[in-house]
Amino acid sequence: MVELEGRVRHLSGATTAREALVALGTRYLNLSSGTDPQLANAWLRMVELLSTEGAGDSDAAHRHFAEAAARLQSLHRSPLANPDLALQLASAITEQIRTIPDFSSRIPLINRVRRILLRYPQSIPHLHCLAQLLILSRDEEAALAIERRIASALRGHSPVDRFALARTLFHDAQQIQSSSNPALRAAEHEEAISLLDRLIDDEQTHVRYRLQRALSRVRHSDALLRLKKKSPALVEAEQGIAEIRQLLREDPRRSSLALTLADESYRYTSILVAAGERARGTPLLLESSSRMRQIRAANPQVLRYAITHADCLSNLAFVHRNSSDYSSDTRFQEEAIDILTAEQTRHPGNQQLQRELVQKHLSASVVRRFSRQYPEAAKHLDQAWLLLNPALRTKHQIEDHLNAADWFDVKASLESATAKSAAALSNRQIALQHLNSAQRLGYPFPLLLARKIYILSGTDNDFFNLRRYDEAIALNDKHLPEFENHLSLNPNHFES
């Protein structure tokens, strides 16, 4: 059944048939026992299929991959252990990590996979798994180095090699920071698209090839726009979005395509906004929002769909904010908050939901401040604090410290806007303390760097407003070695 599913999985419109195969295959596996490697591999494949079909249900996907990892672990400890089995185990745990929203909770599993992979010679599949692990670890520089090793080894001519190379080039280009080398990003996406064109010429109904080409086109568009090639950039993005839409029309039951279309629609809209054509992007986001509303209605138990729907509305709000349309911004933000607040009754105590709500309230507070509605801005801050404070008092996880840093910074900005520089200064210093706590817990410094610079800049302004110039200089002197040390270790890091 796994083999049969593999033959139809990339055909358009195959979701109904795949669902039947997955259900029957899972039934057989649940009746099976033992530690045969082929049985373990079948479990891993079935788990991948279950997670693909229920793309929005991260809780179910986490359970499936955890079970697959447990079965593989029993083999890994046995005399049957070998590099292929180790790779299966590492892959199962890596996919399990993907379903965990909290970076803090990911760290033990990341370290476990790293130990497994480092025990064996690094073949191409091992390197692929390691690159994905580094991306999940937020170590983009190291992931980029490995992706380039893979690319140099994959200049083969078989369809498998060509598709692997196209995906590697795609990930490689994504790791190149967009401001530093758009020409290199564009060249790598162009090579990936060319490879995929040839693959699709041979297999025109292959969903995976077509989806990868669509994603590459939208990313290529962003690189072209940074090279000031507006017309070809917009054509490329339009073709990418049109292909994803077509795939969804061919297979409307494949929910993962709807999620992908929502994500790429926002990316395309951002490109249109940067190109000065915001009006063309808004209908696309409205369409995505409407589609996610329908998917939510059909799958009310799946939290991921509600969060994606709320994100669609937040993206609409942000597009309107860019044109200073604060009334529309506020309307969409409030609707996003209402959706997630209603989900709290279905998912009480869900940490991911609470953190999403904190961010939505902070965004709403910011836009209220922009429109000088200071009491309303303060109310949203109070709502965010009610959600955030219990987690800070009990869990001390990275994401909570990051949210706290954002909260104190937004609070400080509101105080600065109402001429309370002393209070603003105090809150920004607390925000810096929370960023330092997140760093001590293992959050990578490169990802904190932009936040730290932003908060330090606000702190400088507060010092200047209070005419405490010596303290401003002392604060910058204190933090400068941290940035210089990172730059010496990572000389190509653009932001540093």
Protein backbone atom coordinates (compact mmCIF):
# COMPACT_ATOMS: atom_id res chain seq x y z
CA MET A 1 0.00 0.00 0.00
CA VAL A 2 2.86 2.36 0.75
CA GLU A 3 4.32 1.58 -2.68
CA LEU A 4 0.95 2.10 -4.37
CA GLU A 5 0.46 5.42 -2.59
CA GLY A 6 3.92 6.46 -3.74
CA ARG A 7 2.84 5.97 -7.35
CA VAL A 8 -0.23 8.19 -7.08
CA ARG A 9 0.78 10.75 -4.44
CA HIS A 10 2.10 13.34 -6.91
CA LEU A 11 -0.80 13.04 -9.36
CA SER A 12 -3.27 15.91 -9.35
CA GLY A 13 -6.66 15.12 -7.78
CA ALA A 14 -5.35 12.04 -5.95
CA THR A 15 -6.23 13.08 -2.38
CA THR A 16 -9.43 10.99 -2.11
CA ALA A 17 -7.63 7.82 -3.26
CA ARG A 18 -4.68 8.57 -0.96
CA GLU A 19 -6.97 9.03 2.04
CA ALA A 20 -8.46 5.55 1.43
CA LEU A 21 -4.98 3.99 1.11
CA VAL A 22 -3.74 5.72 4.26
CA ALA A 23 -6.77 4.62 6.29
CA LEU A 24 -6.40 0.99 5.17
CA GLY A 25 -2.61 0.97 5.60
CA THR A 26 -2.86 2.44 9.11
CA ARG A 27 -5.42 -0.21 10.02
CA TYR A 28 -3.02 -2.99 8.98
CA LEU A 29 -0.11 -1.39 10.81
CA ASN A 30 -2.11 -1.05 14.01
CA LEU A 31 -2.65 -4.83 13.87
CA SER A 32 1.06 -5.47 13.32
CA SER A 33 3.80 -5.89 15.87
CA GLY A 34 7.49 -6.62 15.97
CA THR A 35 10.71 -4.77 15.16
CA ASP A 36 11.27 -5.58 11.50
CA PRO A 37 13.03 -2.66 9.73
CA GLN A 38 10.56 -2.77 6.83
CA LEU A 39 7.68 -2.48 9.27
CA ALA A 40 9.34 0.54 10.90
CA ASN A 41 9.87 2.13 7.49
CA ALA A 42 6.21 1.53 6.63
CA TRP A 43 5.21 3.25 9.88
CA LEU A 44 7.34 6.28 9.01
CA ARG A 45 5.84 6.49 5.52
CA MET A 46 2.30 6.20 6.84
CA VAL A 47 2.98 8.90 9.43
CA GLU A 48 4.22 11.20 6.68
CA LEU A 49 1.01 10.56 4.75
CA LEU A 50 -1.23 11.10 7.78
CA SER A 51 0.51 14.41 8.47
CA THR A 52 0.22 15.49 4.83
CA GLU A 53 -3.49 14.74 4.66
CA GLY A 54 -4.15 16.54 7.94
CA ALA A 55 -1.75 19.36 7.20
CA GLY A 56 -3.42 21.75 9.61
CA ASP A 57 -3.57 19.44 12.62
CA SER A 58 -0.15 19.86 14.20
CA ASP A 59 -1.20 18.09 17.43
CA ALA A 60 -2.15 14.93 15.51
CA ALA A 61 1.02 15.14 13.40
CA HIS A 62 3.11 15.42 16.57
CA ARG A 63 1.50 12.28 18.02
CA HIS A 64 2.02 10.34 14.77
CA PHE A 65 5.70 11.24 14.46
CA ALA A 66 6.33 10.60 18.16
CA GLU A 67 4.88 7.10 17.75
CA ALA A 68 6.97 6.45 14.62
CA ALA A 69 10.09 7.65 16.44
CA ALA A 70 9.34 5.34 19.38
CA ARG A 71 9.03 2.32 17.08
CA LEU A 72 12.21 3.21 15.24
CA GLN A 73 14.02 3.81 18.52
CA SER A 74 13.31 0.22 19.59
CA LEU A 75 15.09 -0.91 16.42
CA HIS A 76 17.90 1.59 16.82
CA ARG A 77 18.90 0.05 20.14
CA SER A 78 18.94 -3.45 18.67
CA PRO A 79 21.72 -5.26 16.75
CA LEU A 80 19.85 -4.37 13.55
CA ALA A 81 20.96 -0.73 13.90
CA ASN A 82 22.58 0.69 10.76
CA PRO A 83 23.01 4.09 9.00
CA ASP A 84 19.76 3.75 7.05
CA LEU A 85 17.79 2.98 10.19
CA ALA A 86 19.48 5.88 11.99
CA LEU A 87 18.45 8.19 9.15
CA GLN A 88 14.84 7.00 9.41
CA LEU A 89 14.87 7.71 13.14
CA ALA A 90 16.49 11.13 12.64
CA SER A 91 13.92 11.98 9.94
CA ALA A 92 10.99 10.98 12.16
CA ILE A 93 12.24 13.10 15.06
CA THR A 94 13.02 16.02 12.71
CA GLU A 95 9.43 15.96 11.45
CA GLN A 96 8.26 15.73 15.06
CA ILE A 97 10.31 18.88 15.83
CA ARG A 98 8.54 20.68 12.96
CA THR A 99 5.21 20.24 14.75
CA ILE A 100 6.48 21.90 17.97
CA PRO A 101 5.88 25.69 17.98
CA ASP A 102 8.02 26.38 21.08
CA PHE A 103 11.73 26.74 20.41
CA SER A 104 12.49 25.81 24.03
CA SER A 105 10.71 22.47 23.64
CA ARG A 106 12.54 21.77 20.41
CA ILE A 107 16.06 21.98 21.87
CA PRO A 108 16.27 18.49 23.52
CA LEU A 109 14.99 16.79 20.33
CA ILE A 110 17.34 18.86 18.14
CA ASN A 111 20.29 17.73 20.24
CA ARG A 112 19.09 14.12 20.03
CA VAL A 113 18.92 14.18 16.22
CA ARG A 114 22.31 15.83 16.01
CA ARG A 115 23.84 13.01 18.08
CA ILE A 116 22.20 10.36 15.86
CA LEU A 117 23.40 11.94 12.60
CA LEU A 118 26.96 12.50 13.79
CA ARG A 119 27.42 8.77 14.52
CA TYR A 120 27.40 7.83 10.85
CA PRO A 121 29.16 8.86 7.60
CA GLN A 122 27.45 11.87 6.07
CA SER A 123 25.79 10.71 2.87
CA ILE A 124 23.59 13.07 0.84
CA PRO A 125 20.39 11.97 2.67
CA HIS A 126 22.15 12.46 6.03
CA LEU A 127 23.27 15.94 4.96
CA HIS A 128 19.75 16.81 3.84
CA CYS A 129 18.41 15.84 7.25
CA LEU A 130 21.18 17.79 9.00
CA ALA A 131 20.47 20.90 6.89
CA GLN A 132 16.78 20.73 7.82
CA LEU A 133 17.73 20.29 11.47
CA LEU A 134 19.97 23.38 11.33
CA ILE A 135 17.14 25.42 9.82
CA LEU A 136 14.86 24.28 12.65
CA SER A 137 17.69 25.23 15.05
CA ARG A 138 17.65 28.73 13.46
CA ASP A 139 21.30 28.30 12.39
CA GLU A 140 20.87 29.55 8.82
CA GLU A 141 24.59 30.14 8.20
CA ALA A 142 25.49 26.50 8.91
CA ALA A 143 22.47 25.26 6.94
CA LEU A 144 23.58 27.33 3.95
CA ALA A 145 27.07 25.77 4.03
CA ILE A 146 25.60 22.25 4.02
CA GLU A 147 23.07 23.06 1.27
CA ARG A 148 25.98 24.19 -0.91
CA ARG A 149 27.84 20.93 -0.24
CA ILE A 150 24.74 19.03 -1.32
CA ALA A 151 24.31 21.16 -4.46
CA SER A 152 27.87 20.50 -5.59
CA ALA A 153 27.31 16.74 -5.19
CA LEU A 154 23.96 16.63 -6.99
CA ARG A 155 24.91 17.73 -10.49
CA GLY A 156 23.50 14.45 -11.84
CA HIS A 157 21.00 13.82 -14.59
CA SER A 158 18.42 11.49 -13.07
CA PRO A 159 14.99 13.00 -12.20
CA VAL A 160 15.63 12.30 -8.51
CA ASP A 161 18.95 14.17 -8.62
CA ARG A 162 17.50 17.06 -10.60
CA PHE A 163 14.58 17.53 -8.21
CA ALA A 164 16.87 17.22 -5.17
CA LEU A 165 19.18 19.84 -6.70
CA ALA A 166 16.23 22.16 -7.44
CA ARG A 167 15.05 21.93 -3.82
CA THR A 168 18.58 22.45 -2.56
CA LEU A 169 19.02 25.56 -4.70
CA PHE A 170 15.66 26.83 -3.43
CA HIS A 171 16.66 26.37 0.23
CA ASP A 172 20.13 27.73 -0.47
CA ALA A 173 18.68 30.91 -2.00
CA GLN A 174 16.32 31.28 0.97
CA GLN A 175 19.24 31.24 3.40
CA ILE A 176 20.99 34.10 1.57
CA GLN A 177 19.84 37.23 3.34
CA SER A 178 17.66 39.17 0.95
CA SER A 179 19.45 42.50 1.31
CA SER A 180 22.97 41.17 0.89
CA ASN A 181 23.07 39.42 -2.50
CA PRO A 182 19.83 39.49 -4.52
CA ALA A 183 21.75 38.67 -7.74
CA LEU A 184 22.95 35.34 -6.30
CA ARG A 185 19.46 34.57 -4.98
CA ALA A 186 17.96 35.28 -8.39
CA ALA A 187 20.54 33.09 -10.18
CA GLU A 188 19.92 30.11 -7.88
CA HIS A 189 16.14 30.37 -8.24
CA GLU A 190 16.53 30.61 -12.04
CA GLU A 191 18.58 27.41 -12.09
CA ALA A 192 16.01 25.67 -9.87
CA ILE A 193 13.13 26.77 -12.13
CA SER A 194 14.99 25.58 -15.23
CA LEU A 195 15.55 22.14 -13.67
CA LEU A 196 11.89 21.90 -12.68
CA ASP A 197 10.74 22.98 -16.16
CA ARG A 198 12.56 19.99 -17.64
CA LEU A 199 11.14 17.62 -15.03
CA ILE A 200 7.60 18.88 -15.66
CA ASP A 201 8.05 18.47 -19.42
CA ASP A 202 8.50 14.75 -18.72
CA GLU A 203 5.78 14.47 -16.04
CA GLN A 204 3.24 17.23 -16.53
CA THR A 205 0.83 16.05 -13.80
CA HIS A 206 3.51 15.74 -11.09
CA VAL A 207 2.18 17.86 -8.18
CA ARG A 208 5.43 18.09 -6.24
CA TYR A 209 7.43 19.39 -9.21
CA ARG A 210 4.74 21.94 -10.08
CA LEU A 211 4.39 23.16 -6.49
CA GLN A 212 8.14 23.51 -6.07
CA ARG A 213 8.35 25.52 -9.30
CA ALA A 214 5.53 27.79 -8.12
CA LEU A 215 7.29 28.46 -4.79
CA SER A 216 10.58 29.12 -6.59
CA ARG A 217 8.87 31.62 -8.91
CA VAL A 218 7.38 33.67 -6.05
CA ARG A 219 10.78 33.79 -4.26
CA HIS A 220 12.54 34.58 -7.55
CA SER A 221 10.15 37.51 -7.97
CA ASP A 222 11.31 39.04 -4.69
CA ALA A 223 14.96 38.81 -5.76
CA LEU A 224 14.17 40.36 -9.17
CA LEU A 225 12.34 43.25 -7.52
CA ARG A 226 15.40 43.99 -5.37
CA LEU A 227 17.39 44.13 -8.60
CA LYS A 228 14.87 46.79 -9.78
CA LYS A 229 13.39 44.49 -12.45
CA LYS A 230 9.76 45.27 -11.63
CA SER A 231 7.94 43.92 -14.72
CA PRO A 232 9.59 40.46 -14.85
CA ALA A 233 9.29 40.24 -11.04
CA LEU A 234 5.53 40.71 -11.13
CA VAL A 235 5.09 38.29 -14.06
CA GLU A 236 7.08 35.62 -12.21
CA ALA A 237 5.05 36.01 -9.01
CA GLU A 238 1.75 35.95 -10.93
CA GLN A 239 2.74 32.69 -12.63
CA GLY A 240 3.67 31.12 -9.30
CA ILE A 241 0.38 32.06 -7.63
CA ALA A 242 -1.60 30.94 -10.71
CA GLU A 243 0.07 27.51 -10.57
CA ILE A 244 -0.77 27.01 -6.87
CA ARG A 245 -4.37 28.04 -7.59
CA GLN A 246 -4.55 25.54 -10.43
CA LEU A 247 -3.21 22.75 -8.21
CA LEU A 248 -5.86 23.59 -5.61
CA ARG A 249 -8.60 23.55 -8.27
CA GLU A 250 -7.43 20.11 -9.41
CA ASP A 251 -7.38 18.77 -5.84
CA PRO A 252 -9.59 20.93 -3.57
CA ARG A 253 -9.43 18.37 -0.73
CA ARG A 254 -5.68 18.85 -0.27
CA SER A 255 -5.73 21.32 2.62
CA SER A 256 -1.96 21.79 2.59
CA LEU A 257 -2.32 23.56 -0.77
CA ALA A 258 -4.83 26.01 0.71
CA LEU A 259 -2.38 26.81 3.52
CA THR A 260 0.43 27.24 1.01
CA LEU A 261 -1.70 29.54 -1.13
CA ALA A 262 -2.50 31.70 1.92
CA ASP A 263 1.21 32.03 2.77
CA GLU A 264 2.29 32.75 -0.80
CA SER A 265 -0.55 35.23 -1.36
CA TYR A 266 0.82 37.36 1.45
CA ARG A 267 4.32 37.05 0.02
CA TYR A 268 3.01 38.12 -3.39
CA THR A 269 1.06 41.01 -1.85
CA SER A 270 4.24 42.19 -0.08
CA ILE A 271 5.97 42.17 -3.46
CA LEU A 272 3.12 44.19 -4.99
CA VAL A 273 3.27 46.69 -2.11
CA ALA A 274 7.04 47.07 -2.60
CA ALA A 275 6.39 47.61 -6.33
CA GLY A 276 3.85 50.36 -5.56
CA GLU A 277 0.82 48.25 -6.56
CA ARG A 278 -0.92 47.62 -3.25
CA ALA A 279 -4.43 47.73 -4.78
CA ARG A 280 -3.72 44.55 -6.77
CA GLY A 281 -2.69 42.60 -3.69
CA THR A 282 -5.60 43.32 -1.36
CA PRO A 283 -8.18 41.19 -3.28
CA LEU A 284 -5.77 38.25 -3.19
CA LEU A 285 -5.53 38.42 0.61
CA LEU A 286 -9.31 38.80 0.88
CA GLU A 287 -9.69 35.66 -1.25
CA SER A 288 -7.27 33.74 1.02
CA SER A 289 -9.14 34.93 4.09
CA SER A 290 -12.47 33.80 2.61
CA ARG A 291 -11.01 30.39 1.70
CA MET A 292 -9.57 29.89 5.21
CA ARG A 293 -12.95 30.81 6.69
CA GLN A 294 -14.54 27.99 4.68
CA ILE A 295 -11.82 25.51 5.67
CA ARG A 296 -12.25 26.47 9.34
CA ALA A 297 -16.00 25.91 9.11
CA ALA A 298 -15.41 22.42 7.70
CA ASN A 299 -12.68 21.59 10.27
CA PRO A 300 -13.57 23.49 13.47
CA GLN A 301 -11.37 21.24 15.63
CA VAL A 302 -8.11 22.14 13.83
CA LEU A 303 -6.38 25.11 15.50
CA ARG A 304 -3.92 25.63 12.64
CA TYR A 305 -6.70 26.75 10.30
CA ALA A 306 -7.95 29.34 12.78
CA ILE A 307 -4.43 30.69 13.28
CA THR A 308 -3.84 30.87 9.51
CA HIS A 309 -7.18 32.65 9.04
CA ALA A 310 -6.23 35.17 11.75
CA ASP A 311 -2.84 35.62 10.07
CA CYS A 312 -4.58 36.37 6.73
CA LEU A 313 -6.52 39.14 8.45
CA SER A 314 -3.38 40.46 10.18
CA ASN A 315 -1.63 40.53 6.81
CA LEU A 316 -4.54 42.53 5.39
CA ALA A 317 -4.24 44.90 8.34
CA PHE A 318 -0.51 45.36 7.75
CA VAL A 319 -1.04 46.14 4.04
CA HIS A 320 -3.53 48.85 4.99
CA ARG A 321 -1.15 50.17 7.67
CA ASN A 322 1.50 50.69 5.01
CA SER A 323 -0.85 53.13 3.28
CA SER A 324 -1.79 54.81 6.61
CA ASP A 325 -5.33 53.41 6.42
CA TYR A 326 -5.54 52.86 10.16
CA SER A 327 -9.31 52.35 10.31
CA SER A 328 -9.14 49.31 7.98
CA ASP A 329 -6.01 48.13 9.79
CA THR A 330 -7.88 48.25 13.11
CA ARG A 331 -10.95 46.46 11.69
CA PHE A 332 -8.93 43.50 10.39
CA GLN A 333 -6.81 43.28 13.56
CA GLU A 334 -9.93 43.19 15.74
CA GLU A 335 -11.46 40.43 13.60
CA ALA A 336 -8.24 38.38 13.93
CA ILE A 337 -8.35 38.82 17.71
CA ASP A 338 -12.03 37.76 17.83
CA ILE A 339 -11.23 34.54 15.90
CA LEU A 340 -8.42 33.52 18.25
CA THR A 341 -10.34 34.55 21.38
CA ALA A 342 -13.22 32.29 20.32
CA GLU A 343 -10.73 29.41 19.85
CA GLN A 344 -9.78 29.62 23.53
CA THR A 345 -13.01 27.82 24.44
CA ARG A 346 -12.09 24.91 22.11
CA HIS A 347 -8.41 24.84 23.11
CA PRO A 348 -8.20 26.00 26.74
CA GLY A 349 -4.65 26.51 27.99
CA ASN A 350 -3.07 26.07 24.54
CA GLN A 351 0.26 27.93 24.72
CA GLN A 352 0.61 28.51 21.00
CA LEU A 353 -2.85 30.08 20.85
CA GLN A 354 -2.11 32.33 23.84
CA ARG A 355 1.16 33.52 22.27
CA GLU A 356 -0.56 34.24 18.96
CA LEU A 357 -3.18 36.27 20.82
CA VAL A 358 -0.48 38.23 22.65
CA GLN A 359 1.09 39.20 19.32
CA LYS A 360 -2.28 40.18 17.83
CA HIS A 361 -3.07 42.41 20.83
CA LEU A 362 0.38 44.02 20.58
CA SER A 363 -0.14 44.73 16.86
CA ALA A 364 -3.54 46.24 17.63
CA SER A 365 -1.97 48.40 20.33
CA VAL A 366 0.65 49.67 17.89
CA VAL A 367 -1.92 50.71 15.28
CA ARG A 368 -4.07 52.40 17.93
CA ARG A 369 -0.99 54.36 18.99
CA PHE A 370 -0.30 55.37 15.39
CA SER A 371 -3.84 56.76 15.15
CA ARG A 372 -3.41 58.52 18.55
CA GLN A 373 -6.09 56.39 20.23
CA TYR A 374 -4.02 56.03 23.37
CA PRO A 375 -6.68 54.63 25.78
CA GLU A 376 -7.56 51.88 23.26
CA ALA A 377 -3.85 51.12 22.77
CA ALA A 378 -3.49 50.72 26.54
CA LYS A 379 -6.50 48.33 26.68
CA HIS A 380 -4.90 46.01 24.14
CA LEU A 381 -1.68 46.07 26.16
CA ASP A 382 -3.64 45.10 29.27
CA GLN A 383 -5.28 42.18 27.41
CA ALA A 384 -1.88 41.00 26.18
CA TRP A 385 -0.46 41.16 29.71
CA LEU A 386 -3.33 39.06 31.12
CA LEU A 387 -2.33 36.31 28.67
CA LEU A 388 1.42 36.72 29.05
CA ASN A 389 1.91 37.20 32.77
CA PRO A 390 0.92 33.67 33.96
CA ALA A 391 3.39 32.08 31.52
CA LEU A 392 6.19 34.38 32.69
CA ARG A 393 5.51 33.48 36.31
CA THR A 394 5.53 29.70 35.79
CA LYS A 395 7.23 28.47 32.59
CA HIS A 396 10.12 30.80 31.67
CA GLN A 397 10.24 29.61 28.06
CA ILE A 398 12.06 31.38 25.24
CA GLU A 399 8.88 32.40 23.39
CA ASP A 400 7.43 33.96 26.53
CA HIS A 401 10.57 36.06 27.07
CA LEU A 402 10.45 37.19 23.43
CA ASN A 403 6.79 38.15 23.79
CA ALA A 404 7.60 39.95 27.05
CA ALA A 405 10.38 41.91 25.33
CA ASP A 406 7.89 42.95 22.65
CA TRP A 407 5.28 43.86 25.29
CA PHE A 408 7.62 46.11 27.27
CA ASP A 409 8.90 47.73 24.07
CA VAL A 410 5.35 48.46 22.82
CA LYS A 411 4.48 49.77 26.30
CA ALA A 412 7.58 52.02 26.18
CA SER A 413 6.63 53.35 22.74
CA LEU A 414 3.18 54.27 24.04
CA GLU A 415 4.77 56.05 27.01
CA SER A 416 7.18 57.92 24.73
CA ALA A 417 4.22 59.04 22.60
CA THR A 418 2.55 60.45 25.74
CA ALA A 419 5.70 62.24 26.98
CA LYS A 420 6.61 59.73 29.70
CA SER A 421 10.27 59.24 28.80
CA ALA A 422 11.37 58.03 32.25
CA ALA A 423 8.77 55.26 32.33
CA ALA A 424 9.57 54.39 28.70
CA LEU A 425 13.27 54.08 29.53
CA SER A 426 12.54 51.75 32.44
CA ASN A 427 10.33 49.48 30.31
CA ARG A 428 12.86 49.27 27.46
CA GLN A 429 15.55 48.20 29.91
CA ILE A 430 13.20 45.43 31.09
CA ALA A 431 12.67 44.47 27.44
CA LEU A 432 16.46 44.08 27.04
CA GLN A 433 16.56 41.88 30.15
CA HIS A 434 13.97 39.55 28.62
CA LEU A 435 15.98 39.31 25.38
CA ASN A 436 19.05 38.40 27.44
CA SER A 437 17.00 35.71 29.23
CA ALA A 438 15.91 34.25 25.88
CA GLN A 439 19.55 34.20 24.79
CA ARG A 440 20.63 32.40 27.97
CA LEU A 441 17.94 29.77 27.34
CA GLY A 442 19.44 29.01 23.92
CA TYR A 443 17.80 31.41 21.44
CA PRO A 444 20.38 32.20 18.71
CA PHE A 445 21.95 35.65 18.95
CA PRO A 446 21.63 36.42 15.19
CA LEU A 447 17.84 36.25 15.56
CA LEU A 448 17.94 38.56 18.57
CA LEU A 449 20.24 41.03 16.87
CA ALA A 450 17.61 43.10 15.03
CA ARG A 451 15.37 43.21 18.12
CA LYS A 452 18.26 44.33 20.31
CA ILE A 453 19.27 47.10 17.90
CA TYR A 454 15.68 48.34 17.71
CA ILE A 455 15.23 48.43 21.49
CA LEU A 456 18.66 50.01 22.03
CA SER A 457 17.73 52.71 19.52
CA GLY A 458 14.53 53.46 21.43
CA THR A 459 16.49 53.49 24.70
CA ASP A 460 18.92 56.03 23.23
CA ASN A 461 15.99 58.28 22.31
CA ASP A 462 14.64 58.05 25.86
CA PHE A 463 18.05 58.95 27.30
CA PHE A 464 18.32 61.90 24.91
CA ASN A 465 14.83 63.14 25.81
CA LEU A 466 15.92 63.06 29.45
CA ARG A 467 19.32 64.61 28.55
CA ARG A 468 21.15 61.69 30.17
CA TYR A 469 23.78 61.49 27.44
CA ASP A 470 26.54 59.78 29.45
CA GLU A 471 24.22 56.89 30.31
CA ALA A 472 23.29 56.47 26.64
CA ILE A 473 26.98 56.22 25.70
CA ALA A 474 27.64 53.77 28.53
CA LEU A 475 24.76 51.51 27.44
CA ASN A 476 26.03 51.37 23.84
CA ASP A 477 29.58 50.72 25.03
CA LYS A 478 28.27 47.83 27.10
CA HIS A 479 26.55 46.14 24.14
CA LEU A 480 29.06 46.93 21.39
CA PRO A 481 31.47 44.02 22.20
CA GLU A 482 28.58 41.55 21.82
CA PHE A 483 27.94 42.71 18.25
CA GLU A 484 31.65 42.92 17.39
CA ASN A 485 32.27 39.40 18.70
CA HIS A 486 29.42 37.98 16.62
CA LEU A 487 30.72 39.78 13.53
CA SER A 488 34.22 38.39 14.03
CA LEU A 489 32.80 34.85 14.15
CA ASN A 490 30.35 35.47 11.27
CA PRO A 491 32.01 37.99 8.93
CA ASN A 492 29.42 37.42 6.18
CA HIS A 493 26.40 38.06 8.40
CA PHE A 494 24.77 41.03 6.65
CA GLU A 495 22.88 42.52 9.63
CA SER A 496 25.98 42.41 11.86
